[in-house]
């Protein structure tokens, strides 16, 4: 099968640095997630949580999971806000 005459044109593939950044971000996320899970499992004792007028005792794992979900949500919202400003 013959190549077209315009074979000198470059394909529109992402640059290698884009792949490296994505891979680095995935590895960093995986490491942080693993450390967070290890930290949560290592701290299973009950703690008292006070939220304004309500007080409850719960395993520290639950408190860490709730904090992680809130933190991830705030991070996603902040990322979207900054992306909109850049457009």
Foldseek 3Di string as FASTA:
>chain_A
DDDDPVPVDDDPDDDPVVVVVVVVVVVVVVVVVVVLVVVLVVQQDWDWDDDPPDIDIHGVSVVSVVVVVVVVVVVVVVVVVVVVVVD
